[in-house]
Amino acid sequence: MNNIIEDQIDECCSSTVRASQKRRNIFIRLSLKAYRYLNQWNEQRKTANTMARLSSDQLRDIGLTREDIKRDYSRPFWR
């Protein structure tokens, strides 16, 4: 009889542990996603700042115009 009760308790506890691990995994995934978005935004910000410092001749050499930079880097990072 004790074995049956212990098995039920173990099963209940293991499902509780699995549920808490699942919640923890969701939190980790959301945190990583937020980190990736912030990192992408920061990279785009740095690139836009670098492009803004280039002269018109330098931009022409790489095939861009000031309007291209404004259009591409004025969008929000989530788009």
PDB file of N, CA and C in Angstrom:
ATOM      1  N   MET A   1       0.826  -1.196   0.000  1.00  0.00           N
ATOM      2  CA  MET A   1       0.000   0.000   0.000  1.00  0.00           C
ATOM      3  C   MET A   1       0.867   1.256   0.000  1.00  0.00           C
ATOM      4  N   ASN A   2       1.923   1.236   0.796  1.00  0.00           N
ATOM      5  CA  ASN A   2       2.798   2.400   0.859  1.00  0.00           C
ATOM      6  C   ASN A   2       3.459   2.669  -0.488  1.00  0.00           C
ATOM      7  N   ASN A   3       3.809   1.605  -1.212  1.00  0.00           N
ATOM      8  CA  ASN A   3       4.432   1.783  -2.512  1.00  0.00           C
ATOM      9  C   ASN A   3       3.502   2.493  -3.495  1.00  0.00           C
ATOM     10  N   ILE A   4       2.229   2.161  -3.464  1.00  0.00           N
ATOM     11  CA  ILE A   4       1.266   2.797  -4.362  1.00  0.00           C
ATOM     12  C   ILE A   4       1.164   4.286  -4.049  1.00  0.00           C
ATOM     13  N   ILE A   5       1.065   4.605  -2.775  1.00  0.00           N
ATOM     14  CA  ILE A   5       0.970   6.011  -2.366  1.00  0.00           C
ATOM     15  C   ILE A   5       2.251   6.755  -2.724  1.00  0.00           C
ATOM     16  N   GLU A   6       3.398   6.137  -2.469  1.00  0.00           N
ATOM     17  CA  GLU A   6       4.675   6.778  -2.815  1.00  0.00           C
ATOM     18  C   GLU A   6       4.794   6.996  -4.321  1.00  0.00           C
ATOM     19  N   ASP A   7       4.332   6.022  -5.112  1.00  0.00           N
ATOM     20  CA  ASP A   7       4.365   6.180  -6.563  1.00  0.00           C
ATOM     21  C   ASP A   7       3.487   7.342  -7.017  1.00  0.00           C
ATOM     22  N   GLN A   8       2.314   7.467  -6.406  1.00  0.00           N
ATOM     23  CA  GLN A   8       1.424   8.572  -6.769  1.00  0.00           C
ATOM     24  C   GLN A   8       2.036   9.918  -6.382  1.00  0.00           C
ATOM     25  N   ILE A   9       2.668   9.969  -5.222  1.00  0.00           N
ATOM     26  CA  ILE A   9       3.321  11.208  -4.785  1.00  0.00           C
ATOM     27  C   ILE A   9       4.472  11.549  -5.724  1.00  0.00           C
ATOM     28  N   ASP A  10       5.271  10.535  -6.078  1.00  0.00           N
ATOM     29  CA  ASP A  10       6.385  10.760  -7.001  1.00  0.00           C
ATOM     30  C   ASP A  10       5.887  11.254  -8.355  1.00  0.00           C
ATOM     31  N   GLU A  11       4.803  10.654  -8.842  1.00  0.00           N
ATOM     32  CA  GLU A  11       4.247  11.059 -10.129  1.00  0.00           C
ATOM     33  C   GLU A  11       3.740  12.495 -10.065  1.00  0.00           C
ATOM     34  N   CYS A  12       3.086  12.836  -8.979  1.00  0.00           N
ATOM     35  CA  CYS A  12       2.578  14.198  -8.803  1.00  0.00           C
ATOM     36  C   CYS A  12       3.729  15.195  -8.732  1.00  0.00           C
ATOM     37  N   CYS A  13       4.753  14.869  -7.981  1.00  0.00           N
ATOM     38  CA  CYS A  13       5.906  15.760  -7.841  1.00  0.00           C
ATOM     39  C   CYS A  13       6.657  15.895  -9.152  1.00  0.00           C
ATOM     40  N   SER A  14       6.787  14.804  -9.890  1.00  0.00           N
ATOM     41  CA  SER A  14       7.522  14.886 -11.145  1.00  0.00           C
ATOM     42  C   SER A  14       6.761  15.727 -12.161  1.00  0.00           C
ATOM     43  N   SER A  15       5.418  15.664 -12.155  1.00  0.00           N
ATOM     44  CA  SER A  15       4.655  16.507 -13.076  1.00  0.00           C
ATOM     45  C   SER A  15       4.764  17.967 -12.669  1.00  0.00           C
ATOM     46  N   THR A  16       4.861  18.235 -11.379  1.00  0.00           N
ATOM     47  CA  THR A  16       5.050  19.607 -10.901  1.00  0.00           C
ATOM     48  C   THR A  16       6.415  20.126 -11.318  1.00  0.00           C
ATOM     49  N   VAL A  17       7.416  19.276 -11.211  1.00  0.00           N
ATOM     50  CA  VAL A  17       8.766  19.655 -11.611  1.00  0.00           C
ATOM     51  C   VAL A  17       8.811  19.917 -13.112  1.00  0.00           C
ATOM     52  N   ARG A  18       8.166  19.051 -13.895  1.00  0.00           N
ATOM     53  CA  ARG A  18       8.131  19.247 -15.349  1.00  0.00           C
ATOM     54  C   ARG A  18       7.446  20.561 -15.705  1.00  0.00           C
ATOM     55  N   ALA A  19       6.369  20.876 -15.013  1.00  0.00           N
ATOM     56  CA  ALA A  19       5.647  22.121 -15.291  1.00  0.00           C
ATOM     57  C   ALA A  19       6.515  23.331 -14.952  1.00  0.00           C
ATOM     58  N   SER A  20       7.233  23.273 -13.833  1.00  0.00           N
ATOM     59  CA  SER A  20       8.088  24.408 -13.473  1.00  0.00           C
ATOM     60  C   SER A  20       9.264  24.531 -14.443  1.00  0.00           C
ATOM     61  N   GLN A  21       9.784  23.399 -14.928  1.00  0.00           N
ATOM     62  CA  GLN A  21      10.860  23.449 -15.915  1.00  0.00           C
ATOM     63  C   GLN A  21      10.352  24.024 -17.231  1.00  0.00           C
ATOM     64  N   LYS A  22       9.113  23.683 -17.579  1.00  0.00           N
ATOM     65  CA  LYS A  22       8.536  24.209 -18.803  1.00  0.00           C
ATOM     66  C   LYS A  22       8.396  25.726 -18.709  1.00  0.00           C
ATOM     67  N   ARG A  23       7.936  26.221 -17.547  1.00  0.00           N
ATOM     68  CA  ARG A  23       7.820  27.662 -17.346  1.00  0.00           C
ATOM     69  C   ARG A  23       9.192  28.319 -17.406  1.00  0.00           C
ATOM     70  N   ARG A  24      10.184  27.684 -16.824  1.00  0.00           N
ATOM     71  CA  ARG A  24      11.538  28.214 -16.836  1.00  0.00           C
ATOM     72  C   ARG A  24      12.065  28.258 -18.270  1.00  0.00           C
ATOM     73  N   ASN A  25      11.794  27.217 -19.041  1.00  0.00           N
ATOM     74  CA  ASN A  25      12.232  27.198 -20.431  1.00  0.00           C
ATOM     75  C   ASN A  25      11.565  28.301 -21.242  1.00  0.00           C
ATOM     76  N   ILE A  26      10.295  28.560 -20.984  1.00  0.00           N
ATOM     77  CA  ILE A  26       9.598  29.643 -21.673  1.00  0.00           C
ATOM     78  C   ILE A  26      10.254  30.970 -21.326  1.00  0.00           C
ATOM     79  N   PHE A  27      10.570  31.174 -20.058  1.00  0.00           N
ATOM     80  CA  PHE A  27      11.211  32.415 -19.633  1.00  0.00           C
ATOM     81  C   PHE A  27      12.570  32.571 -20.304  1.00  0.00           C
ATOM     82  N   ILE A  28      13.319  31.502 -20.387  1.00  0.00           N
ATOM     83  CA  ILE A  28      14.644  31.550 -21.027  1.00  0.00           C
ATOM     84  C   ILE A  28      14.491  31.867 -22.507  1.00  0.00           C
ATOM     85  N   ARG A  29      13.535  31.223 -23.179  1.00  0.00           N
ATOM     86  CA  ARG A  29      13.328  31.495 -24.606  1.00  0.00           C
ATOM     87  C   ARG A  29      12.922  32.944 -24.841  1.00  0.00           C
ATOM     88  N   LEU A  30      12.026  33.466 -24.008  1.00  0.00           N
ATOM     89  CA  LEU A  30      11.611  34.864 -24.160  1.00  0.00           C
ATOM     90  C   LEU A  30      12.772  35.814 -23.894  1.00  0.00           C
ATOM     91  N   SER A  31      13.578  35.494 -22.917  1.00  0.00           N
ATOM     92  CA  SER A  31      14.744  36.336 -22.610  1.00  0.00           C
ATOM     93  C   SER A  31      15.730  36.345 -23.778  1.00  0.00           C
ATOM     94  N   LEU A  32      15.974  35.183 -24.355  1.00  0.00           N
ATOM     95  CA  LEU A  32      16.878  35.099 -25.498  1.00  0.00           C
ATOM     96  C   LEU A  32      16.332  35.854 -26.704  1.00  0.00           C
ATOM     97  N   LYS A  33      15.017  35.779 -26.908  1.00  0.00           N
ATOM     98  CA  LYS A  33      14.409  36.494 -28.022  1.00  0.00           C
ATOM     99  C   LYS A  33      14.545  38.003 -27.822  1.00  0.00           C
ATOM    100  N   ALA A  34      14.311  38.474 -26.599  1.00  0.00           N
ATOM    101  CA  ALA A  34      14.468  39.900 -26.304  1.00  0.00           C
ATOM    102  C   ALA A  34      15.923  40.323 -26.506  1.00  0.00           C
ATOM    103  N   TYR A  35      16.851  39.489 -26.074  1.00  0.00           N
ATOM    104  CA  TYR A  35      18.272  39.790 -26.261  1.00  0.00           C
ATOM    105  C   TYR A  35      18.612  39.899 -27.745  1.00  0.00           C
ATOM    106  N   ARG A  36      18.098  38.966 -28.552  1.00  0.00           N
ATOM    107  CA  ARG A  36      18.377  38.995 -29.993  1.00  0.00           C
ATOM    108  C   ARG A  36      17.826  40.260 -30.636  1.00  0.00           C
ATOM    109  N   TYR A  37      16.602  40.669 -30.257  1.00  0.00           N
ATOM    110  CA  TYR A  37      16.023  41.898 -30.803  1.00  0.00           C
ATOM    111  C   TYR A  37      16.861  43.113 -30.415  1.00  0.00           C
ATOM    112  N   LEU A  38      17.253  43.173 -29.158  1.00  0.00           N
ATOM    113  CA  LEU A  38      18.064  44.305 -28.713  1.00  0.00           C
ATOM    114  C   LEU A  38      19.428  44.317 -29.399  1.00  0.00           C
ATOM    115  N   ASN A  39      20.005  43.157 -29.559  1.00  0.00           N
ATOM    116  CA  ASN A  39      21.300  43.068 -30.235  1.00  0.00           C
ATOM    117  C   ASN A  39      21.175  43.491 -31.697  1.00  0.00           C
ATOM    118  N   GLN A  40      20.120  43.053 -32.366  1.00  0.00           N
ATOM    119  CA  GLN A  40      19.896  43.431 -33.761  1.00  0.00           C
ATOM    120  C   GLN A  40      19.689  44.944 -33.866  1.00  0.00           C
ATOM    121  N   TRP A  41      18.898  45.502 -32.969  1.00  0.00           N
ATOM    122  CA  TRP A  41      18.677  46.948 -32.963  1.00  0.00           C
ATOM    123  C   TRP A  41      19.993  47.698 -32.773  1.00  0.00           C
ATOM    124  N   ASN A  42      20.821  47.234 -31.858  1.00  0.00           N
ATOM    125  CA  ASN A  42      22.090  47.893 -31.594  1.00  0.00           C
ATOM    126  C   ASN A  42      23.011  47.827 -32.812  1.00  0.00           C
ATOM    127  N   GLU A  43      23.057  46.688 -33.483  1.00  0.00           N
ATOM    128  CA  GLU A  43      23.878  46.556 -34.685  1.00  0.00           C
ATOM    129  C   GLU A  43      23.395  47.498 -35.787  1.00  0.00           C
ATOM    130  N   GLN A  44      22.083  47.587 -35.965  1.00  0.00           N
ATOM    131  CA  GLN A  44      21.548  48.499 -36.976  1.00  0.00           C
ATOM    132  C   GLN A  44      21.842  49.950 -36.614  1.00  0.00           C
ATOM    133  N   ARG A  45      21.762  50.274 -35.350  1.00  0.00           N
ATOM    134  CA  ARG A  45      22.055  51.633 -34.888  1.00  0.00           C
ATOM    135  C   ARG A  45      23.511  51.993 -35.180  1.00  0.00           C
ATOM    136  N   LYS A  46      24.420  51.066 -34.874  1.00  0.00           N
ATOM    137  CA  LYS A  46      25.838  51.318 -35.129  1.00  0.00           C
ATOM    138  C   LYS A  46      26.118  51.453 -36.620  1.00  0.00           C
ATOM    139  N   THR A  47      25.484  50.614 -37.422  1.00  0.00           N
ATOM    140  CA  THR A  47      25.678  50.689 -38.868  1.00  0.00           C
ATOM    141  C   THR A  47      25.161  52.010 -39.419  1.00  0.00           C
ATOM    142  N   ALA A  48      23.988  52.420 -38.960  1.00  0.00           N
ATOM    143  CA  ALA A  48      23.417  53.692 -39.428  1.00  0.00           C
ATOM    144  C   ALA A  48      24.310  54.858 -39.036  1.00  0.00           C
ATOM    145  N   ASN A  49      24.864  54.833 -37.840  1.00  0.00           N
ATOM    146  CA  ASN A  49      25.775  55.901 -37.416  1.00  0.00           C
ATOM    147  C   ASN A  49      27.049  55.920 -38.266  1.00  0.00           C
ATOM    148  N   THR A  50      27.555  54.746 -38.583  1.00  0.00           N
ATOM    149  CA  THR A  50      28.751  54.667 -39.428  1.00  0.00           C
ATOM    150  C   THR A  50      28.452  55.187 -40.825  1.00  0.00           C
ATOM    151  N   MET A  51      27.305  54.789 -41.379  1.00  0.00           N
ATOM    152  CA  MET A  51      26.927  55.246 -42.714  1.00  0.00           C
ATOM    153  C   MET A  51      26.710  56.753 -42.744  1.00  0.00           C
ATOM    154  N   ALA A  52      26.170  57.298 -41.668  1.00  0.00           N
ATOM    155  CA  ALA A  52      25.908  58.740 -41.624  1.00  0.00           C
ATOM    156  C   ALA A  52      27.207  59.541 -41.646  1.00  0.00           C
ATOM    157  N   ARG A  53      28.284  58.956 -41.170  1.00  0.00           N
ATOM    158  CA  ARG A  53      29.570  59.659 -41.148  1.00  0.00           C
ATOM    159  C   ARG A  53      30.313  59.601 -42.477  1.00  0.00           C
ATOM    160  N   LEU A  54      29.841  58.766 -43.407  1.00  0.00           N
ATOM    161  CA  LEU A  54      30.504  58.653 -44.706  1.00  0.00           C
ATOM    162  C   LEU A  54      30.175  59.863 -45.571  1.00  0.00           C
ATOM    163  N   SER A  55      31.119  60.225 -46.406  1.00  0.00           N
ATOM    164  CA  SER A  55      30.893  61.335 -47.338  1.00  0.00           C
ATOM    165  C   SER A  55      30.055  60.837 -48.518  1.00  0.00           C
ATOM    166  N   SER A  56      29.555  61.769 -49.303  1.00  0.00           N
ATOM    167  CA  SER A  56      28.747  61.413 -50.479  1.00  0.00           C
ATOM    168  C   SER A  56      29.552  60.583 -51.469  1.00  0.00           C
ATOM    169  N   ASP A  57      30.825  60.909 -51.615  1.00  0.00           N
ATOM    170  CA  ASP A  57      31.678  60.133 -52.529  1.00  0.00           C
ATOM    171  C   ASP A  57      31.847  58.696 -52.043  1.00  0.00           C
ATOM    172  N   GLN A  58      32.052  58.530 -50.753  1.00  0.00           N
ATOM    173  CA  GLN A  58      32.205  57.187 -50.193  1.00  0.00           C
ATOM    174  C   GLN A  58      30.916  56.385 -50.356  1.00  0.00           C
ATOM    175  N   LEU A  59      29.787  57.041 -50.133  1.00  0.00           N
ATOM    176  CA  LEU A  59      28.506  56.352 -50.314  1.00  0.00           C
ATOM    177  C   LEU A  59      28.306  55.944 -51.780  1.00  0.00           C
ATOM    178  N   ARG A  60      28.671  56.819 -52.683  1.00  0.00           N
ATOM    179  CA  ARG A  60      28.543  56.508 -54.109  1.00  0.00           C
ATOM    180  C   ARG A  60      29.426  55.309 -54.465  1.00  0.00           C
ATOM    181  N   ASP A  61      30.600  55.211 -53.854  1.00  0.00           N
ATOM    182  CA  ASP A  61      31.496  54.082 -54.115  1.00  0.00           C
ATOM    183  C   ASP A  61      30.867  52.739 -53.745  1.00  0.00           C
ATOM    184  N   ILE A  62      30.076  52.724 -52.697  1.00  0.00           N
ATOM    185  CA  ILE A  62      29.437  51.462 -52.296  1.00  0.00           C
ATOM    186  C   ILE A  62      28.017  51.336 -52.851  1.00  0.00           C
ATOM    187  N   GLY A  63      27.612  52.315 -53.674  1.00  0.00           N
ATOM    188  CA  GLY A  63      26.325  52.210 -54.361  1.00  0.00           C
ATOM    189  C   GLY A  63      25.131  52.626 -53.540  1.00  0.00           C
ATOM    190  N   LEU A  64      25.321  53.530 -52.594  1.00  0.00           N
ATOM    191  CA  LEU A  64      24.215  53.998 -51.754  1.00  0.00           C
ATOM    192  C   LEU A  64      24.074  55.509 -51.846  1.00  0.00           C
ATOM    193  N   THR A  65      22.899  55.977 -51.463  1.00  0.00           N
ATOM    194  CA  THR A  65      22.660  57.416 -51.351  1.00  0.00           C
ATOM    195  C   THR A  65      22.191  57.702 -49.930  1.00  0.00           C
ATOM    196  N   ARG A  66      22.134  58.960 -49.581  1.00  0.00           N
ATOM    197  CA  ARG A  66      21.641  59.337 -48.244  1.00  0.00           C
ATOM    198  C   ARG A  66      20.180  58.892 -48.065  1.00  0.00           C
ATOM    199  N   GLU A  67      19.406  58.958 -49.135  1.00  0.00           N
ATOM    200  CA  GLU A  67      17.997  58.539 -49.058  1.00  0.00           C
ATOM    201  C   GLU A  67      17.877  57.041 -48.766  1.00  0.00           C
ATOM    202  N   ASP A  68      18.776  56.242 -49.355  1.00  0.00           N
ATOM    203  CA  ASP A  68      18.780  54.796 -49.079  1.00  0.00           C
ATOM    204  C   ASP A  68      19.014  54.539 -47.594  1.00  0.00           C
ATOM    205  N   ILE A  69      19.942  55.262 -47.030  1.00  0.00           N
ATOM    206  CA  ILE A  69      20.265  55.076 -45.613  1.00  0.00           C
ATOM    207  C   ILE A  69      19.089  55.493 -44.738  1.00  0.00           C
ATOM    208  N   LYS A  70      18.498  56.643 -45.062  1.00  0.00           N
ATOM    209  CA  LYS A  70      17.347  57.102 -44.270  1.00  0.00           C
ATOM    210  C   LYS A  70      16.199  56.109 -44.354  1.00  0.00           C
ATOM    211  N   ARG A  71      15.937  55.598 -45.557  1.00  0.00           N
ATOM    212  CA  ARG A  71      14.828  54.660 -45.739  1.00  0.00           C
ATOM    213  C   ARG A  71      15.082  53.349 -44.992  1.00  0.00           C
ATOM    214  N   ASP A  72      16.270  52.797 -45.133  1.00  0.00           N
ATOM    215  CA  ASP A  72      16.558  51.485 -44.560  1.00  0.00           C
ATOM    216  C   ASP A  72      16.745  51.514 -43.051  1.00  0.00           C
ATOM    217  N   TYR A  73      17.318  52.568 -42.538  1.00  0.00           N
ATOM    218  CA  TYR A  73      17.648  52.586 -41.112  1.00  0.00           C
ATOM    219  C   TYR A  73      16.693  53.416 -40.274  1.00  0.00           C
ATOM    220  N   SER A  74      15.642  53.968 -40.880  1.00  0.00           N
ATOM    221  CA  SER A  74      14.665  54.709 -40.078  1.00  0.00           C
ATOM    222  C   SER A  74      13.525  53.801 -39.620  1.00  0.00           C
ATOM    223  N   ARG A  75      13.493  52.572 -40.145  1.00  0.00           N
ATOM    224  CA  ARG A  75      12.447  51.637 -39.733  1.00  0.00           C
ATOM    225  C   ARG A  75      12.695  51.150 -38.306  1.00  0.00           C
ATOM    226  N   PRO A  76      11.641  50.850 -37.568  1.00  0.00           N
ATOM    227  CA  PRO A  76      11.831  50.275 -36.229  1.00  0.00           C
ATOM    228  C   PRO A  76      12.527  48.918 -36.322  1.00  0.00           C
ATOM    229  N   PHE A  77      13.234  48.535 -35.284  1.00  0.00           N
ATOM    230  CA  PHE A  77      14.030  47.309 -35.334  1.00  0.00           C
ATOM    231  C   PHE A  77      13.184  46.050 -35.405  1.00  0.00           C
ATOM    232  N   TRP A  78      11.908  46.104 -35.031  1.00  0.00           N
ATOM    233  CA  TRP A  78      11.083  44.904 -35.052  1.00  0.00           C
ATOM    234  C   TRP A  78      10.504  44.627 -36.439  1.00  0.00           C
ATOM    235  N   ARG A  79      10.767  45.475 -37.395  1.00  0.00           N
ATOM    236  CA  ARG A  79      10.278  45.242 -38.759  1.00  0.00           C
ATOM    237  C   ARG A  79      11.367  44.743 -39.656  1.00  0.00           C
TER     238      ARG A  79
END
